Each structure stands twice: as structure tokens, then as C-alpha cells.
């Protein structure tokens, strides 16, 4: 299983705007110890990818009311072997929102993860409790696209960014918006810009 692109991304995160070397080190240890970490069959957990999605004008963020977890969350899911995890985040955004066109945003237009998060997924049917090692990216939806509800969601909602705390109390979700706002405030060569996606 090719993990070199993920490892490079995690190493950049350790020295990036969030300066969170500790969580990056946890991810790097996990990825180094599990050569199947990109597959959902990996026990006791696996890499997932999420998208924090802004509207074209940056005024609202997109939330899904997750059917299984029954919470308002960012869009995302399993990477299913995709070594370029930003492509998995894009795919999940497309599948769960019904929209097709997005831009990946990062400071200076250089590929970077917005956030890293480890969280427990409770046991469900024949699936035991396990960890999701979630790599998160900032996406901007392109204009004039309709939302289409997927089977994984109870609802989709564009929420004004300043009203996020009225709908969400989960720190890992609130942190996504906080980090994205910090990126947005950067200026000069490090200003927020679209990042090329691999073909």
C-alpha cells in the first residue's frame, strides 16, 4: 500500500500553520505501523478524509446531518485505498453533497491539510468499535450547483459561518472553521488560494 504521499502531507502538517507536531506524530506512528491503513479493513482503525466546504462567497459552510451518528458534521468518509487523500475528500464531498465542482484551498495554493483528528466510531451491527484517523481539507464549492441528499444524510444545510456554534457543539467541527478562518486571514504569498489537484 503506497503511503508516501500521505506521509509527506503529515510531515508538512507538523510544521505548518497549526504547529501541531504532536497530533501529526500520532498519525505518522499509526501510518508507519499499518501498511493497510488506507483500507477500511485495517484494525483497529483506518485513515479517512473530510472536507470543510465553503460556499463560493465564503459566507456559509456546508453541514450534513449524519444518518448513522445523528449529528451535524462535515462531509467525509473512507479513503478506500486512495493514497492522495485530498482526492478522497473531494470524492466524498461530491457523493455526499451532489455537487461536482470544487476548489481545494490552502495557504499559497500549496497542498496542506486543514486539520487532523482522531475519533472513535462506535460499534454498529457486525462492525466493532474502531478509530477514524481523519485528514481534513478546505474546499470551496463553485457557483450554481444544487445540493442532492445522499443515503448517508438526514439533511444538508448551508449555515452562516458565524452561526456555527448555534448548530454544532462538537469541538472537532468547530476547530475546522477556526483553522479555516485563520487561513483566510493570511496575506501576501501565504494568502488563501486554490491548490492544483492531481489528474
N, C-alpha and C. Protein backbone atom coordinates (compact mmCIF):
# COMPACT_ATOMS: atom_id res chain seq x y z
N UNK A 1 0.86 -1.19 0.00
CA UNK A 1 0.00 0.00 0.00
C UNK A 1 0.90 1.25 0.00
N UNK A 2 0.71 2.12 -0.99
CA UNK A 2 1.55 3.30 -1.12
C UNK A 2 1.10 4.38 -0.14
N UNK A 3 2.00 4.73 0.78
CA UNK A 3 1.67 5.70 1.82
C UNK A 3 2.55 6.94 1.75
N UNK A 4 3.46 7.02 0.78
CA UNK A 4 4.45 8.09 0.78
C UNK A 4 3.83 9.48 0.64
N UNK A 5 2.74 9.60 -0.16
CA UNK A 5 2.10 10.92 -0.30
C UNK A 5 1.43 11.35 1.00
N UNK A 6 0.81 10.39 1.68
CA UNK A 6 0.19 10.69 2.96
C UNK A 6 1.25 11.07 4.00
N UNK A 7 2.34 10.35 4.03
CA UNK A 7 3.41 10.65 4.99
C UNK A 7 3.96 12.05 4.74
N UNK A 8 4.18 12.41 3.48
CA UNK A 8 4.68 13.75 3.16
C UNK A 8 3.69 14.82 3.61
N UNK A 9 2.40 14.57 3.42
CA UNK A 9 1.37 15.52 3.83
C UNK A 9 1.37 15.70 5.35
N UNK A 10 1.50 14.60 6.08
CA UNK A 10 1.51 14.65 7.54
C UNK A 10 2.76 15.37 8.05
N UNK A 11 3.89 15.14 7.40
CA UNK A 11 5.12 15.83 7.81
C UNK A 11 5.01 17.33 7.59
N UNK A 12 4.36 17.75 6.49
CA UNK A 12 4.15 19.18 6.26
C UNK A 12 3.23 19.77 7.31
N UNK A 13 2.20 19.01 7.70
CA UNK A 13 1.27 19.49 8.72
C UNK A 13 2.00 19.77 10.04
N UNK A 14 2.95 18.92 10.38
CA UNK A 14 3.68 19.08 11.64
C UNK A 14 4.40 20.42 11.72
N UNK A 15 4.77 20.98 10.57
CA UNK A 15 5.50 22.25 10.54
C UNK A 15 4.67 23.37 9.92
N UNK A 16 3.36 23.14 9.76
CA UNK A 16 2.51 24.10 9.08
C UNK A 16 1.87 25.10 10.01
N UNK A 17 0.82 25.79 9.52
CA UNK A 17 0.20 26.88 10.29
C UNK A 17 -0.32 26.47 11.65
N UNK A 18 -0.80 25.23 11.78
CA UNK A 18 -1.37 24.81 13.06
C UNK A 18 -0.29 24.48 14.09
N UNK A 19 0.93 24.20 13.61
CA UNK A 19 2.05 23.89 14.51
C UNK A 19 1.68 22.80 15.51
N UNK A 20 0.99 21.77 15.03
CA UNK A 20 0.57 20.69 15.93
C UNK A 20 1.39 19.45 15.64
N UNK A 21 2.62 19.47 16.09
CA UNK A 21 3.51 18.35 15.82
C UNK A 21 3.06 17.09 16.56
N UNK A 22 2.39 17.23 17.70
CA UNK A 22 2.02 16.07 18.50
C UNK A 22 0.99 15.21 17.77
N UNK A 23 -0.06 15.82 17.24
CA UNK A 23 -1.07 15.02 16.54
C UNK A 23 -0.50 14.48 15.24
N UNK A 24 0.34 15.24 14.56
CA UNK A 24 0.98 14.73 13.34
C UNK A 24 1.85 13.52 13.67
N UNK A 25 2.56 13.57 14.79
CA UNK A 25 3.40 12.44 15.19
C UNK A 25 2.56 11.20 15.46
N UNK A 26 1.39 11.37 16.08
CA UNK A 26 0.49 10.24 16.31
C UNK A 26 0.07 9.62 14.99
N UNK A 27 -0.30 10.47 14.03
CA UNK A 27 -0.70 9.97 12.71
C UNK A 27 0.46 9.24 12.04
N UNK A 28 1.63 9.83 12.09
CA UNK A 28 2.78 9.22 11.44
C UNK A 28 3.12 7.87 12.07
N UNK A 29 3.01 7.76 13.37
CA UNK A 29 3.23 6.48 14.04
C UNK A 29 2.22 5.44 13.57
N UNK A 30 0.96 5.84 13.49
CA UNK A 30 -0.10 4.92 13.07
C UNK A 30 0.11 4.47 11.63
N UNK A 31 0.37 5.43 10.74
CA UNK A 31 0.58 5.10 9.33
C UNK A 31 1.80 4.22 9.15
N UNK A 32 2.87 4.50 9.89
CA UNK A 32 4.07 3.69 9.79
C UNK A 32 3.88 2.27 10.28
N UNK A 33 2.97 2.08 11.23
CA UNK A 33 2.75 0.76 11.83
C UNK A 33 1.74 -0.09 11.08
N UNK A 34 0.99 0.50 10.15
CA UNK A 34 -0.08 -0.24 9.47
C UNK A 34 0.01 0.00 7.97
N UNK A 35 0.55 -0.97 7.26
CA UNK A 35 0.69 -0.76 5.81
C UNK A 35 -0.64 -0.82 5.08
N UNK A 36 -1.71 -1.24 5.77
CA UNK A 36 -3.05 -1.25 5.19
C UNK A 36 -3.93 -0.14 5.75
N UNK A 37 -3.29 0.93 6.28
CA UNK A 37 -4.04 1.99 6.97
C UNK A 37 -5.03 2.72 6.07
N UNK A 38 -4.87 2.64 4.75
CA UNK A 38 -5.77 3.33 3.83
C UNK A 38 -7.02 2.51 3.51
N UNK A 39 -7.11 1.32 4.08
CA UNK A 39 -8.25 0.43 3.82
C UNK A 39 -9.13 0.32 5.05
N UNK A 40 -10.42 0.26 4.85
CA UNK A 40 -11.34 0.18 5.99
C UNK A 40 -11.22 -1.15 6.74
N UNK A 41 -10.58 -2.15 6.14
CA UNK A 41 -10.38 -3.43 6.82
C UNK A 41 -9.29 -3.35 7.88
N UNK A 42 -8.53 -2.27 7.91
CA UNK A 42 -7.44 -2.13 8.88
C UNK A 42 -8.02 -2.04 10.29
N UNK A 43 -7.52 -2.88 11.16
CA UNK A 43 -7.93 -2.90 12.56
C UNK A 43 -6.70 -2.47 13.38
N UNK A 44 -6.88 -1.56 14.36
CA UNK A 44 -8.12 -1.10 14.98
C UNK A 44 -8.70 0.20 14.41
N UNK A 45 -8.24 0.65 13.26
CA UNK A 45 -8.79 1.87 12.67
C UNK A 45 -8.20 2.08 11.30
N UNK A 46 -8.53 3.21 10.67
CA UNK A 46 -8.06 3.47 9.32
C UNK A 46 -8.14 4.96 9.01
N UNK A 47 -7.41 5.34 7.96
CA UNK A 47 -7.41 6.73 7.51
C UNK A 47 -8.74 7.05 6.84
N UNK A 48 -9.29 8.21 7.16
CA UNK A 48 -10.46 8.74 6.48
C UNK A 48 -10.12 10.16 6.00
N UNK A 49 -11.01 10.73 5.19
CA UNK A 49 -10.77 12.08 4.67
C UNK A 49 -12.06 12.87 4.74
N UNK A 50 -11.95 14.13 5.13
CA UNK A 50 -13.11 15.01 5.26
C UNK A 50 -12.90 16.31 4.51
N UNK A 51 -14.02 16.96 4.23
CA UNK A 51 -14.00 18.26 3.54
C UNK A 51 -14.78 19.28 4.35
N UNK A 52 -14.13 20.39 4.67
CA UNK A 52 -14.84 21.55 5.23
C UNK A 52 -15.16 22.43 4.04
N UNK A 53 -16.44 22.57 3.73
CA UNK A 53 -16.86 23.17 2.46
C UNK A 53 -17.45 24.55 2.70
N UNK A 54 -16.89 25.54 2.00
CA UNK A 54 -17.43 26.89 1.99
C UNK A 54 -18.21 27.13 0.71
N UNK A 55 -19.17 28.02 0.80
CA UNK A 55 -19.90 28.48 -0.38
C UNK A 55 -18.96 29.34 -1.24
N UNK A 56 -19.35 29.63 -2.50
CA UNK A 56 -18.48 30.43 -3.36
C UNK A 56 -18.09 31.78 -2.78
N UNK A 57 -18.99 32.39 -1.99
CA UNK A 57 -18.69 33.71 -1.42
C UNK A 57 -18.07 33.63 -0.02
N UNK A 58 -17.79 32.42 0.45
CA UNK A 58 -17.15 32.18 1.75
C UNK A 58 -18.04 32.55 2.93
N UNK A 59 -19.30 32.81 2.72
CA UNK A 59 -20.16 33.26 3.82
C UNK A 59 -20.77 32.11 4.60
N UNK A 60 -20.95 30.96 3.97
CA UNK A 60 -21.60 29.84 4.63
C UNK A 60 -20.74 28.59 4.52
N UNK A 61 -20.99 27.64 5.41
CA UNK A 61 -20.32 26.33 5.39
C UNK A 61 -21.40 25.25 5.29
N UNK A 62 -21.02 24.13 4.70
CA UNK A 62 -21.98 23.06 4.45
C UNK A 62 -21.85 21.98 5.52
N UNK A 63 -22.98 21.65 6.13
CA UNK A 63 -23.03 20.60 7.14
C UNK A 63 -23.99 19.50 6.69
N UNK A 64 -23.67 18.27 7.11
CA UNK A 64 -24.58 17.15 6.88
C UNK A 64 -25.05 16.63 8.23
N UNK A 65 -26.34 16.29 8.30
CA UNK A 65 -26.86 15.62 9.50
C UNK A 65 -26.68 14.13 9.26
N UNK A 66 -25.61 13.60 9.82
CA UNK A 66 -25.19 12.23 9.55
C UNK A 66 -26.25 11.24 10.05
N UNK A 67 -26.66 10.33 9.17
CA UNK A 67 -27.76 9.42 9.50
C UNK A 67 -27.37 8.45 10.62
N UNK A 68 -26.19 7.83 10.52
CA UNK A 68 -25.80 6.81 11.50
C UNK A 68 -25.38 7.43 12.83
N UNK A 69 -24.64 8.54 12.78
CA UNK A 69 -24.15 9.16 14.01
C UNK A 69 -25.13 10.16 14.61
N UNK A 70 -26.13 10.60 13.81
CA UNK A 70 -27.19 11.51 14.27
C UNK A 70 -26.62 12.82 14.83
N UNK A 71 -25.64 13.39 14.08
CA UNK A 71 -25.04 14.66 14.47
C UNK A 71 -24.78 15.49 13.21
N UNK A 72 -24.73 16.81 13.39
CA UNK A 72 -24.31 17.70 12.31
C UNK A 72 -22.79 17.67 12.22
N UNK A 73 -22.28 17.32 11.04
CA UNK A 73 -20.85 17.13 10.84
C UNK A 73 -20.40 17.68 9.49
N UNK A 74 -19.09 17.72 9.28
CA UNK A 74 -18.54 17.97 7.95
C UNK A 74 -18.74 16.73 7.09
N UNK A 75 -18.58 16.87 5.78
CA UNK A 75 -18.73 15.75 4.86
C UNK A 75 -17.41 14.99 4.77
N UNK A 76 -17.49 13.67 4.65
CA UNK A 76 -16.27 12.88 4.56
C UNK A 76 -16.55 11.41 4.69
N UNK A 77 -15.47 10.61 4.59
CA UNK A 77 -15.62 9.17 4.71
C UNK A 77 -14.33 8.43 4.45
N UNK A 78 -14.45 7.16 4.13
CA UNK A 78 -13.30 6.28 3.93
C UNK A 78 -12.53 6.65 2.66
N UNK A 79 -11.22 6.46 2.71
CA UNK A 79 -10.40 6.76 1.53
C UNK A 79 -10.33 5.58 0.58
N UNK A 80 -10.61 4.36 1.08
CA UNK A 80 -10.69 3.15 0.24
C UNK A 80 -9.46 2.98 -0.65
N UNK A 81 -8.28 3.10 -0.03
CA UNK A 81 -7.04 2.82 -0.73
C UNK A 81 -6.43 3.98 -1.49
N UNK A 82 -7.10 5.14 -1.52
CA UNK A 82 -6.59 6.29 -2.26
C UNK A 82 -5.43 6.93 -1.51
N UNK A 83 -4.24 6.88 -2.11
CA UNK A 83 -3.05 7.43 -1.46
C UNK A 83 -3.02 8.94 -1.44
N UNK A 84 -3.66 9.59 -2.42
CA UNK A 84 -3.79 11.06 -2.41
C UNK A 84 -5.09 11.37 -1.68
N UNK A 85 -5.01 11.50 -0.35
CA UNK A 85 -6.23 11.55 0.46
C UNK A 85 -7.06 12.79 0.16
N UNK A 86 -6.47 13.85 -0.41
CA UNK A 86 -7.26 15.01 -0.80
C UNK A 86 -8.26 14.64 -1.90
N UNK A 87 -7.92 13.67 -2.74
CA UNK A 87 -8.86 13.22 -3.78
C UNK A 87 -10.01 12.44 -3.15
N UNK A 88 -9.72 11.70 -2.09
CA UNK A 88 -10.79 11.01 -1.38
C UNK A 88 -11.74 12.01 -0.72
N UNK A 89 -11.19 13.09 -0.15
CA UNK A 89 -12.04 14.14 0.44
C UNK A 89 -12.92 14.77 -0.63
N UNK A 90 -12.36 15.02 -1.80
CA UNK A 90 -13.13 15.59 -2.90
C UNK A 90 -14.23 14.63 -3.34
N UNK A 91 -13.90 13.37 -3.47
CA UNK A 91 -14.89 12.36 -3.87
C UNK A 91 -16.04 12.30 -2.86
N UNK A 92 -15.70 12.30 -1.57
CA UNK A 92 -16.75 12.26 -0.54
C UNK A 92 -17.61 13.50 -0.60
N UNK A 93 -17.00 14.66 -0.83
CA UNK A 93 -17.77 15.90 -0.95
C UNK A 93 -18.76 15.80 -2.10
N UNK A 94 -18.32 15.25 -3.22
CA UNK A 94 -19.19 15.11 -4.38
C UNK A 94 -20.32 14.13 -4.10
N UNK A 95 -19.99 12.97 -3.53
CA UNK A 95 -21.00 11.94 -3.29
C UNK A 95 -22.03 12.37 -2.26
N UNK A 96 -21.59 13.10 -1.22
CA UNK A 96 -22.49 13.42 -0.12
C UNK A 96 -23.24 14.73 -0.30
N UNK A 97 -22.77 15.57 -1.22
CA UNK A 97 -23.46 16.85 -1.44
C UNK A 97 -24.25 16.89 -2.75
N UNK A 98 -23.90 16.01 -3.68
CA UNK A 98 -24.50 16.07 -5.01
C UNK A 98 -23.86 17.09 -5.92
N UNK A 99 -22.97 17.93 -5.39
CA UNK A 99 -22.25 18.89 -6.21
C UNK A 99 -21.01 18.23 -6.82
N UNK A 100 -20.57 18.73 -7.96
CA UNK A 100 -19.44 18.11 -8.65
C UNK A 100 -18.18 18.97 -8.65
N UNK A 101 -18.35 20.28 -8.60
CA UNK A 101 -17.21 21.17 -8.85
C UNK A 101 -16.79 21.90 -7.57
N UNK A 102 -15.53 21.70 -7.22
CA UNK A 102 -14.96 22.32 -6.02
C UNK A 102 -13.54 22.78 -6.32
N UNK A 103 -13.06 23.72 -5.51
CA UNK A 103 -11.66 24.07 -5.48
C UNK A 103 -11.10 23.69 -4.11
N UNK A 104 -9.90 23.15 -4.12
CA UNK A 104 -9.19 22.84 -2.89
C UNK A 104 -8.38 24.07 -2.50
N UNK A 105 -8.61 24.60 -1.30
CA UNK A 105 -7.96 25.83 -0.86
C UNK A 105 -6.88 25.54 0.18
N UNK A 106 -5.80 26.31 0.11
CA UNK A 106 -4.73 26.21 1.11
C UNK A 106 -3.87 27.46 1.04
N UNK A 107 -3.10 27.75 2.09
CA UNK A 107 -2.25 28.94 2.06
C UNK A 107 -1.23 28.87 0.92
N UNK A 108 -1.21 29.92 0.11
CA UNK A 108 -0.29 29.98 -1.01
C UNK A 108 -0.58 28.99 -2.11
N UNK A 109 -1.71 28.32 -2.05
CA UNK A 109 -2.04 27.32 -3.06
C UNK A 109 -1.18 26.08 -2.99
N UNK A 110 -0.52 25.84 -1.84
CA UNK A 110 0.31 24.65 -1.67
C UNK A 110 -0.48 23.62 -0.87
N UNK A 111 -0.53 22.40 -1.36
CA UNK A 111 -1.34 21.36 -0.72
C UNK A 111 -1.04 21.26 0.77
N UNK A 112 -2.08 21.35 1.59
CA UNK A 112 -1.94 21.23 3.04
C UNK A 112 -3.24 20.73 3.63
N UNK A 113 -3.12 19.93 4.67
CA UNK A 113 -4.30 19.51 5.42
C UNK A 113 -4.75 20.66 6.32
N UNK A 114 -6.04 20.88 6.37
CA UNK A 114 -6.60 21.91 7.25
C UNK A 114 -6.53 21.47 8.71
N UNK A 115 -6.72 20.18 8.96
CA UNK A 115 -6.82 19.68 10.33
C UNK A 115 -6.61 18.16 10.32
N UNK A 116 -6.19 17.64 11.46
CA UNK A 116 -6.11 16.20 11.69
C UNK A 116 -6.90 15.89 12.94
N UNK A 117 -7.63 14.78 12.92
CA UNK A 117 -8.46 14.43 14.07
C UNK A 117 -8.58 12.92 14.19
N UNK A 118 -8.45 12.42 15.40
CA UNK A 118 -8.67 11.00 15.69
C UNK A 118 -9.92 10.89 16.54
N UNK A 119 -10.87 10.08 16.09
CA UNK A 119 -12.10 9.93 16.87
C UNK A 119 -12.61 8.50 16.81
N UNK A 120 -13.36 8.13 17.82
CA UNK A 120 -13.86 6.76 17.95
C UNK A 120 -15.20 6.62 17.23
N UNK A 121 -15.32 5.56 16.45
CA UNK A 121 -16.59 5.21 15.81
C UNK A 121 -17.18 4.05 16.60
N UNK A 122 -18.39 4.22 17.12
CA UNK A 122 -18.96 3.15 17.95
C UNK A 122 -19.28 1.90 17.15
N UNK A 123 -19.35 0.77 17.83
CA UNK A 123 -19.71 -0.49 17.19
C UNK A 123 -21.09 -0.37 16.55
N UNK A 124 -21.26 -1.01 15.39
CA UNK A 124 -22.54 -0.95 14.68
C UNK A 124 -22.74 -2.26 13.94
N UNK A 125 -23.79 -2.99 14.31
CA UNK A 125 -24.07 -4.30 13.71
C UNK A 125 -22.85 -5.21 13.88
N UNK A 126 -22.25 -5.69 12.77
CA UNK A 126 -21.11 -6.59 12.89
C UNK A 126 -19.77 -5.85 12.84
N UNK A 127 -19.81 -4.51 12.87
CA UNK A 127 -18.59 -3.72 12.83
C UNK A 127 -18.19 -3.32 14.24
N UNK A 128 -16.99 -3.70 14.69
CA UNK A 128 -16.58 -3.36 16.06
C UNK A 128 -16.22 -1.88 16.18
N UNK A 129 -16.15 -1.40 17.40
CA UNK A 129 -15.66 -0.04 17.66
C UNK A 129 -14.25 0.09 17.09
N UNK A 130 -13.98 1.25 16.47
CA UNK A 130 -12.66 1.46 15.88
C UNK A 130 -12.40 2.96 15.78
N UNK A 131 -11.19 3.31 15.37
CA UNK A 131 -10.80 4.72 15.24
C UNK A 131 -10.81 5.16 13.80
N UNK A 132 -11.23 6.40 13.58
CA UNK A 132 -11.04 7.07 12.30
C UNK A 132 -9.93 8.09 12.47
N UNK A 133 -8.90 7.95 11.64
CA UNK A 133 -7.78 8.88 11.61
C UNK A 133 -8.05 9.83 10.45
N UNK A 134 -8.68 10.96 10.76
CA UNK A 134 -9.29 11.79 9.74
C UNK A 134 -8.37 12.93 9.30
N UNK A 135 -8.11 12.99 7.99
CA UNK A 135 -7.31 14.06 7.38
C UNK A 135 -8.29 14.99 6.69
N UNK A 136 -8.27 16.28 7.03
CA UNK A 136 -9.33 17.21 6.63
C UNK A 136 -8.79 18.33 5.74
N UNK A 137 -9.61 18.72 4.76
CA UNK A 137 -9.21 19.71 3.77
C UNK A 137 -10.29 20.78 3.65
N UNK A 138 -9.88 21.96 3.16
CA UNK A 138 -10.81 23.06 2.92
C UNK A 138 -11.16 23.09 1.44
N UNK A 139 -12.45 22.99 1.13
CA UNK A 139 -12.94 23.06 -0.23
C UNK A 139 -13.88 24.26 -0.39
N UNK A 140 -13.89 24.84 -1.58
CA UNK A 140 -14.85 25.88 -1.93
C UNK A 140 -15.71 25.37 -3.07
N UNK A 141 -17.02 25.37 -2.87
CA UNK A 141 -17.94 24.95 -3.92
C UNK A 141 -17.99 26.01 -5.01
N UNK A 142 -18.03 25.58 -6.24
CA UNK A 142 -18.20 26.52 -7.34
C UNK A 142 -19.68 26.91 -7.45
N UNK A 143 -19.98 28.05 -8.08
CA UNK A 143 -21.36 28.57 -8.07
C UNK A 143 -22.35 27.70 -8.86
N UNK A 144 -23.63 27.95 -8.59
CA UNK A 144 -24.75 27.42 -9.38
C UNK A 144 -24.79 25.90 -9.38
N UNK A 145 -24.70 25.32 -8.18
CA UNK A 145 -24.83 23.88 -8.04
C UNK A 145 -25.90 23.57 -6.99
N UNK A 146 -26.71 22.60 -7.27
CA UNK A 146 -27.78 22.20 -6.37
C UNK A 146 -27.29 21.10 -5.43
N UNK A 147 -27.76 21.13 -4.19
CA UNK A 147 -27.48 20.06 -3.25
C UNK A 147 -28.41 18.89 -3.52
N UNK A 148 -27.86 17.67 -3.37
CA UNK A 148 -28.64 16.44 -3.52
C UNK A 148 -28.32 15.56 -2.32
N UNK A 149 -29.33 15.19 -1.57
CA UNK A 149 -29.15 14.41 -0.35
C UNK A 149 -28.73 12.99 -0.70
N UNK A 150 -27.73 12.47 0.03
CA UNK A 150 -27.30 11.08 -0.15
C UNK A 150 -27.97 10.20 0.91
N UNK A 151 -27.81 8.91 0.75
CA UNK A 151 -28.40 7.96 1.70
C UNK A 151 -27.75 8.06 3.08
N UNK A 152 -26.56 8.64 3.15
CA UNK A 152 -25.85 8.74 4.43
C UNK A 152 -26.31 9.91 5.28
N UNK A 153 -27.13 10.79 4.72
CA UNK A 153 -27.51 12.02 5.42
C UNK A 153 -29.01 12.10 5.66
N UNK A 154 -29.36 12.70 6.78
CA UNK A 154 -30.75 13.06 7.04
C UNK A 154 -31.07 14.42 6.43
N UNK A 155 -30.05 15.29 6.34
CA UNK A 155 -30.25 16.63 5.81
C UNK A 155 -28.90 17.23 5.44
N UNK A 156 -28.94 18.21 4.55
CA UNK A 156 -27.79 19.04 4.21
C UNK A 156 -28.18 20.49 4.47
N UNK A 157 -27.23 21.29 4.95
CA UNK A 157 -27.59 22.67 5.29
C UNK A 157 -26.41 23.60 5.10
N UNK A 158 -26.63 24.67 4.35
CA UNK A 158 -25.67 25.77 4.30
C UNK A 158 -25.93 26.65 5.51
N UNK A 159 -24.93 26.81 6.35
CA UNK A 159 -25.07 27.55 7.59
C UNK A 159 -24.13 28.75 7.57
N UNK A 160 -24.62 29.97 7.88
CA UNK A 160 -23.69 31.10 8.01
C UNK A 160 -22.56 30.76 8.97
N UNK A 161 -21.34 31.06 8.57
CA UNK A 161 -20.18 30.64 9.36
C UNK A 161 -20.23 31.17 10.79
N UNK A 162 -20.71 32.40 10.96
CA UNK A 162 -20.75 32.99 12.30
C UNK A 162 -21.81 32.35 13.19
N UNK A 163 -22.70 31.53 12.59
CA UNK A 163 -23.75 30.87 13.37
C UNK A 163 -23.43 29.41 13.65
N UNK A 164 -22.20 28.98 13.38
CA UNK A 164 -21.86 27.57 13.52
C UNK A 164 -22.14 27.05 14.93
N UNK A 165 -21.83 27.84 15.93
CA UNK A 165 -21.99 27.39 17.32
C UNK A 165 -23.45 27.22 17.72
N UNK A 166 -24.37 27.76 16.93
CA UNK A 166 -25.79 27.57 17.24
C UNK A 166 -26.27 26.19 16.82
N UNK A 167 -25.51 25.53 15.97
CA UNK A 167 -25.91 24.24 15.42
C UNK A 167 -25.00 23.10 15.86
N UNK A 168 -23.74 23.44 16.13
CA UNK A 168 -22.71 22.42 16.39
C UNK A 168 -21.98 22.75 17.69
N UNK A 169 -21.83 21.74 18.54
CA UNK A 169 -21.04 21.92 19.76
C UNK A 169 -19.78 21.06 19.74
N UNK A 170 -19.64 20.21 18.78
CA UNK A 170 -18.51 19.29 18.71
C UNK A 170 -17.23 20.05 18.37
N UNK A 171 -16.25 19.95 19.25
CA UNK A 171 -15.02 20.73 19.12
C UNK A 171 -14.30 20.44 17.81
N UNK A 172 -14.29 19.19 17.37
CA UNK A 172 -13.54 18.87 16.16
C UNK A 172 -14.13 19.54 14.93
N UNK A 173 -15.44 19.81 14.94
CA UNK A 173 -16.09 20.52 13.82
C UNK A 173 -15.84 22.02 13.95
N UNK A 174 -16.01 22.54 15.14
CA UNK A 174 -15.77 23.97 15.38
C UNK A 174 -14.32 24.32 15.04
N UNK A 175 -13.41 23.41 15.35
CA UNK A 175 -11.99 23.65 15.06
C UNK A 175 -11.72 23.78 13.56
N UNK A 176 -12.46 23.05 12.74
CA UNK A 176 -12.30 23.18 11.29
C UNK A 176 -12.55 24.62 10.84
N UNK A 177 -13.62 25.20 11.31
CA UNK A 177 -13.93 26.58 10.93
C UNK A 177 -12.91 27.55 11.50
N UNK A 178 -12.45 27.29 12.72
CA UNK A 178 -11.45 28.17 13.32
C UNK A 178 -10.15 28.15 12.51
N UNK A 179 -9.70 26.97 12.12
CA UNK A 179 -8.49 26.87 11.32
C UNK A 179 -8.68 27.50 9.94
N UNK A 180 -9.85 27.26 9.34
CA UNK A 180 -10.11 27.84 8.02
C UNK A 180 -10.13 29.37 8.09
N UNK A 181 -10.72 29.93 9.16
CA UNK A 181 -10.73 31.38 9.32
C UNK A 181 -9.32 31.93 9.48
N UNK A 182 -8.47 31.19 10.19
CA UNK A 182 -7.08 31.61 10.34
C UNK A 182 -6.37 31.62 8.99
N UNK A 183 -6.61 30.61 8.19
CA UNK A 183 -6.04 30.58 6.84
C UNK A 183 -6.53 31.78 6.02
N UNK A 184 -7.83 32.08 6.13
CA UNK A 184 -8.43 33.16 5.35
C UNK A 184 -7.79 34.51 5.66
N UNK A 185 -7.31 34.68 6.88
CA UNK A 185 -6.75 35.96 7.29
C UNK A 185 -5.30 36.16 6.83
N UNK A 186 -4.70 35.14 6.26
CA UNK A 186 -3.31 35.26 5.80
C UNK A 186 -3.23 36.19 4.60
N UNK A 187 -2.09 36.83 4.46
CA UNK A 187 -1.90 37.81 3.38
C UNK A 187 -0.59 37.51 2.64
N UNK A 188 -0.37 38.22 1.56
CA UNK A 188 0.87 38.09 0.81
C UNK A 188 0.97 36.74 0.11
N UNK A 189 2.19 36.21 0.04
CA UNK A 189 2.42 34.95 -0.67
C UNK A 189 1.70 33.79 -0.01
N UNK A 190 1.33 33.94 1.28
CA UNK A 190 0.66 32.87 2.01
C UNK A 190 -0.86 33.04 2.03
N UNK A 191 -1.39 33.91 1.21
CA UNK A 191 -2.84 34.11 1.16
C UNK A 191 -3.54 32.84 0.68
N UNK A 192 -4.77 32.68 1.10
CA UNK A 192 -5.57 31.52 0.73
C UNK A 192 -5.78 31.49 -0.78
N UNK A 193 -5.50 30.33 -1.40
CA UNK A 193 -5.60 30.23 -2.86
C UNK A 193 -5.93 28.78 -3.24
N UNK A 194 -6.43 28.62 -4.46
CA UNK A 194 -6.76 27.30 -4.96
C UNK A 194 -5.49 26.49 -5.20
N UNK A 195 -5.56 25.21 -4.84
CA UNK A 195 -4.44 24.30 -4.97
C UNK A 195 -4.70 23.36 -6.13
N UNK A 196 -3.75 23.15 -7.02
CA UNK A 196 -3.97 22.21 -8.13
C UNK A 196 -4.24 20.79 -7.62
N UNK A 197 -5.16 20.11 -8.28
CA UNK A 197 -5.46 18.73 -7.96
C UNK A 197 -4.78 17.81 -8.95
N UNK A 198 -4.20 16.69 -8.50
CA UNK A 198 -3.56 15.76 -9.44
C UNK A 198 -4.60 15.16 -10.37
N UNK A 199 -4.19 14.91 -11.60
CA UNK A 199 -5.10 14.33 -12.60
C UNK A 199 -5.02 12.81 -12.55
